[in-house]
C-alpha atoms as a PDB file:
ATOM      1  CA  GLN A   1       8.749 -29.314 -17.518  1.00  0.00           C
ATOM      2  CA  VAL A   2       6.202 -31.037 -15.276  1.00  0.00           C
ATOM      3  CA  GLN A   3       2.538 -30.524 -16.100  1.00  0.00           C
ATOM      4  CA  LEU A   4       0.156 -30.983 -13.199  1.00  0.00           C
ATOM      5  CA  LEU A   5      -3.590 -31.503 -13.473  1.00  0.00           C
ATOM      6  CA  GLU A   6      -5.926 -31.394 -10.496  1.00  0.00           C
ATOM      7  CA  SER A   7      -9.283 -33.121 -10.229  1.00  0.00           C
ATOM      8  CA  GLY A   8     -11.897 -33.992  -7.617  1.00  0.00           C
ATOM      9  CA  GLY A   9     -13.072 -30.601  -6.516  1.00  0.00           C
ATOM     10  CA  GLY A  10     -16.730 -29.809  -5.984  1.00  0.00           C
ATOM     11  CA  LEU A  11     -19.450 -28.752  -3.579  1.00  0.00           C
ATOM     12  CA  VAL A  12     -19.862 -30.508  -0.255  1.00  0.00           C
ATOM     13  CA  GLN A  13     -21.656 -29.791   3.017  1.00  0.00           C
ATOM     14  CA  ALA A  14     -19.750 -29.019   6.182  1.00  0.00           C
ATOM     15  CA  GLY A  15     -18.569 -32.240   7.832  1.00  0.00           C
ATOM     16  CA  GLY A  16     -18.321 -33.995   4.499  1.00  0.00           C
ATOM     17  CA  SER A  17     -15.326 -35.315   2.567  1.00  0.00           C
ATOM     18  CA  LEU A  18     -13.669 -34.805  -0.788  1.00  0.00           C
ATOM     19  CA  ARG A  19     -10.637 -36.421  -2.396  1.00  0.00           C
ATOM     20  CA  LEU A  20      -8.473 -34.316  -4.670  1.00  0.00           C
ATOM     21  CA  SER A  21      -6.072 -35.861  -7.128  1.00  0.00           C
ATOM     22  CA  CYS A  22      -3.028 -34.394  -8.880  1.00  0.00           C
ATOM     23  CA  ALA A  23      -1.823 -36.177 -11.989  1.00  0.00           C
ATOM     24  CA  ALA A  24       1.475 -35.465 -13.700  1.00  0.00           C
ATOM     25  CA  SER A  25       2.411 -35.901 -17.327  1.00  0.00           C
ATOM     26  CA  GLU A  26       6.086 -36.353 -16.689  1.00  0.00           C
ATOM     27  CA  ARG A  27       7.641 -39.672 -15.816  1.00  0.00           C
ATOM     28  CA  THR A  28      10.192 -37.863 -13.601  1.00  0.00           C
ATOM     29  CA  PHE A  29       7.281 -37.002 -11.329  1.00  0.00           C
ATOM     30  CA  SER A  30       8.724 -39.399  -8.763  1.00  0.00           C
ATOM     31  CA  ASN A  31      11.780 -37.109  -8.424  1.00  0.00           C
ATOM     32  CA  TYR A  32       9.699 -34.251  -7.006  1.00  0.00           C
ATOM     33  CA  ALA A  33       8.052 -33.350  -3.763  1.00  0.00           C
ATOM     34  CA  ILE A  34       4.392 -32.593  -4.417  1.00  0.00           C
ATOM     35  CA  GLY A  35       2.188 -30.305  -2.425  1.00  0.00           C
ATOM     36  CA  TRP A  36      -1.205 -28.692  -2.208  1.00  0.00           C
ATOM     37  CA  PHE A  37      -1.878 -25.005  -1.745  1.00  0.00           C
ATOM     38  CA  ARG A  38      -5.171 -23.121  -1.639  1.00  0.00           C
ATOM     39  CA  GLN A  39      -6.421 -19.614  -2.258  1.00  0.00           C
ATOM     40  CA  ALA A  40      -9.677 -18.241  -0.975  1.00  0.00           C
ATOM     41  CA  PRO A  41     -11.275 -15.100  -2.477  1.00  0.00           C
ATOM     42  CA  GLY A  42      -9.484 -11.977  -1.309  1.00  0.00           C
ATOM     43  CA  ARG A  43      -6.751 -13.938   0.447  1.00  0.00           C
ATOM     44  CA  GLU A  44      -3.207 -14.950  -0.371  1.00  0.00           C
ATOM     45  CA  ARG A  45      -2.374 -18.454  -1.483  1.00  0.00           C
ATOM     46  CA  GLU A  46      -1.455 -20.648   1.496  1.00  0.00           C
ATOM     47  CA  PHE A  47       0.278 -23.960   2.034  1.00  0.00           C
ATOM     48  CA  VAL A  48      -1.938 -26.942   2.845  1.00  0.00           C
ATOM     49  CA  ALA A  49       0.176 -30.127   2.682  1.00  0.00           C
ATOM     50  CA  ALA A  50       3.223 -31.636   0.982  1.00  0.00           C
ATOM     51  CA  ILE A  51       4.812 -35.042   0.547  1.00  0.00           C
ATOM     52  CA  SER A  52       8.395 -35.953  -0.363  1.00  0.00           C
ATOM     53  CA  TRP A  53       9.308 -37.929  -3.468  1.00  0.00           C
ATOM     54  CA  SER A  54       9.584 -41.153  -1.446  1.00  0.00           C
ATOM     55  CA  ALA A  55       6.504 -40.418   0.711  1.00  0.00           C
ATOM     56  CA  ALA A  56       8.753 -40.689   3.768  1.00  0.00           C
ATOM     57  CA  ILE A  57       8.056 -37.066   4.752  1.00  0.00           C
ATOM     58  CA  SER A  58       4.742 -35.228   4.853  1.00  0.00           C
ATOM     59  CA  ASN A  59       3.906 -31.770   6.189  1.00  0.00           C
ATOM     60  CA  TYR A  60       0.572 -30.191   6.971  1.00  0.00           C
ATOM     61  CA  ALA A  61      -0.660 -26.733   7.811  1.00  0.00           C
ATOM     62  CA  ASP A  62      -1.940 -26.514  11.354  1.00  0.00           C
ATOM     63  CA  SER A  63      -5.410 -25.671  10.082  1.00  0.00           C
ATOM     64  CA  VAL A  64      -5.794 -29.062   8.358  1.00  0.00           C
ATOM     65  CA  LYS A  65      -3.817 -31.427  10.640  1.00  0.00           C
ATOM     66  CA  GLY A  66      -5.888 -34.433  11.639  1.00  0.00           C
ATOM     67  CA  ARG A  67      -8.457 -33.766   8.898  1.00  0.00           C
ATOM     68  CA  PHE A  68      -6.469 -33.953   5.650  1.00  0.00           C
ATOM     69  CA  THR A  69      -4.162 -36.731   4.464  1.00  0.00           C
ATOM     70  CA  ILE A  70      -1.732 -36.509   1.547  1.00  0.00           C
ATOM     71  CA  SER A  71      -0.525 -39.624  -0.266  1.00  0.00           C
ATOM     72  CA  ARG A  72       1.193 -40.502  -3.498  1.00  0.00           C
ATOM     73  CA  ASP A  73       1.470 -43.349  -5.993  1.00  0.00           C
ATOM     74  CA  ASN A  74       4.612 -42.914  -8.074  1.00  0.00           C
ATOM     75  CA  ALA A  75       3.677 -45.846 -10.341  1.00  0.00           C
ATOM     76  CA  ARG A  76       0.556 -43.899 -11.361  1.00  0.00           C
ATOM     77  CA  ASN A  77       2.156 -40.426 -11.201  1.00  0.00           C
ATOM     78  CA  THR A  78      -0.518 -39.191  -8.828  1.00  0.00           C
ATOM     79  CA  VAL A  79      -0.757 -37.443  -5.464  1.00  0.00           C
ATOM     80  CA  ASP A  80      -4.051 -37.425  -3.582  1.00  0.00           C
ATOM     81  CA  LEU A  81      -5.387 -35.189  -0.854  1.00  0.00           C
ATOM     82  CA  GLN A  82      -8.095 -36.800   1.252  1.00  0.00           C
ATOM     83  CA  MET A  83     -10.089 -34.069   2.986  1.00  0.00           C
ATOM     84  CA  ASN A  84     -12.386 -35.072   5.842  1.00  0.00           C
ATOM     85  CA  SER A  85     -14.470 -33.049   8.309  1.00  0.00           C
ATOM     86  CA  LEU A  86     -14.560 -30.183   5.853  1.00  0.00           C
ATOM     87  CA  LYS A  87     -15.421 -26.689   7.118  1.00  0.00           C
ATOM     88  CA  PRO A  88     -16.738 -23.628   5.278  1.00  0.00           C
ATOM     89  CA  GLU A  89     -13.339 -21.978   5.817  1.00  0.00           C
ATOM     90  CA  ASP A  90     -11.780 -24.739   3.669  1.00  0.00           C
ATOM     91  CA  THR A  91     -13.533 -23.186   0.656  1.00  0.00           C
ATOM     92  CA  ALA A  92     -10.871 -22.188  -1.873  1.00  0.00           C
ATOM     93  CA  VAL A  93      -9.237 -23.019  -5.173  1.00  0.00           C
ATOM     94  CA  TYR A  94      -6.817 -25.837  -4.479  1.00  0.00           C
ATOM     95  CA  PHE A  95      -3.592 -26.012  -6.454  1.00  0.00           C
ATOM     96  CA  CYS A  96      -1.127 -28.844  -6.926  1.00  0.00           C
ATOM     97  CA  ALA A  97       2.552 -27.851  -6.991  1.00  0.00           C
ATOM     98  CA  ALA A  98       5.996 -29.434  -7.344  1.00  0.00           C
ATOM     99  CA  ASN A  99       9.542 -28.742  -6.267  1.00  0.00           C
ATOM    100  CA  TYR A 100      12.604 -30.823  -5.525  1.00  0.00           C
ATOM    101  CA  ASN A 101      11.967 -31.237  -1.804  1.00  0.00           C
ATOM    102  CA  VAL A 102       9.408 -30.392   0.851  1.00  0.00           C
ATOM    103  CA  PRO A 103      11.218 -27.437   2.487  1.00  0.00           C
ATOM    104  CA  SER A 104      11.740 -25.775  -0.906  1.00  0.00           C
ATOM    105  CA  LEU A 105       8.170 -26.488  -1.885  1.00  0.00           C
ATOM    106  CA  ARG A 106       6.820 -24.791   1.212  1.00  0.00           C
ATOM    107  CA  ASN A 107       8.657 -21.629   0.193  1.00  0.00           C
ATOM    108  CA  ALA A 108       8.114 -21.731  -3.552  1.00  0.00           C
ATOM    109  CA  ALA A 109       6.974 -24.096  -6.281  1.00  0.00           C
ATOM    110  CA  ARG A 110       8.700 -24.754  -9.566  1.00  0.00           C
ATOM    111  CA  TYR A 111       5.515 -26.016 -11.219  1.00  0.00           C
ATOM    112  CA  TRP A 112       1.830 -25.314 -10.641  1.00  0.00           C
ATOM    113  CA  GLY A 113      -1.405 -26.860 -11.735  1.00  0.00           C
ATOM    114  CA  GLN A 114      -4.433 -24.808 -12.842  1.00  0.00           C
ATOM    115  CA  GLY A 115      -6.420 -25.427  -9.671  1.00  0.00           C
ATOM    116  CA  THR A 116      -9.717 -27.019  -8.715  1.00  0.00           C
ATOM    117  CA  GLN A 117     -12.532 -25.370  -6.802  1.00  0.00           C
ATOM    118  CA  VAL A 118     -13.620 -26.700  -3.438  1.00  0.00           C
ATOM    119  CA  THR A 119     -16.755 -25.226  -1.901  1.00  0.00           C
ATOM    120  CA  VAL A 120     -17.969 -26.194   1.575  1.00  0.00           C
ATOM    121  CA  SER A 121     -21.448 -25.072   2.481  1.00  0.00           C
ATOM    122  CA  ALA A 122     -22.512 -24.426   6.066  1.00  0.00           C
END
């Protein structure tokens, strides 16, 4: 069982930046692909970005390409999501998730965090 804990959410003006962090309690964290999903009010949860266990592969949703960067530090059991040039439509609860590889993670997650709120004001 991998427990994931997100941090770093908050309120920011459009054009600003935030850095989200996902910390895992399990030392086998480095065996998993880790990703970020988000859910806005009244909308379904959607994929944002994912990174393979070795960091060799990363995927992004088209809506965040060029603005968001995912990275990981397996020594610290953390995955970060650097979000730049934020837009009001990025407002959502952001969830950290894990699965064995990136393609599987994009379809479904084996483990989820509790989420962190990101609000971007116009």
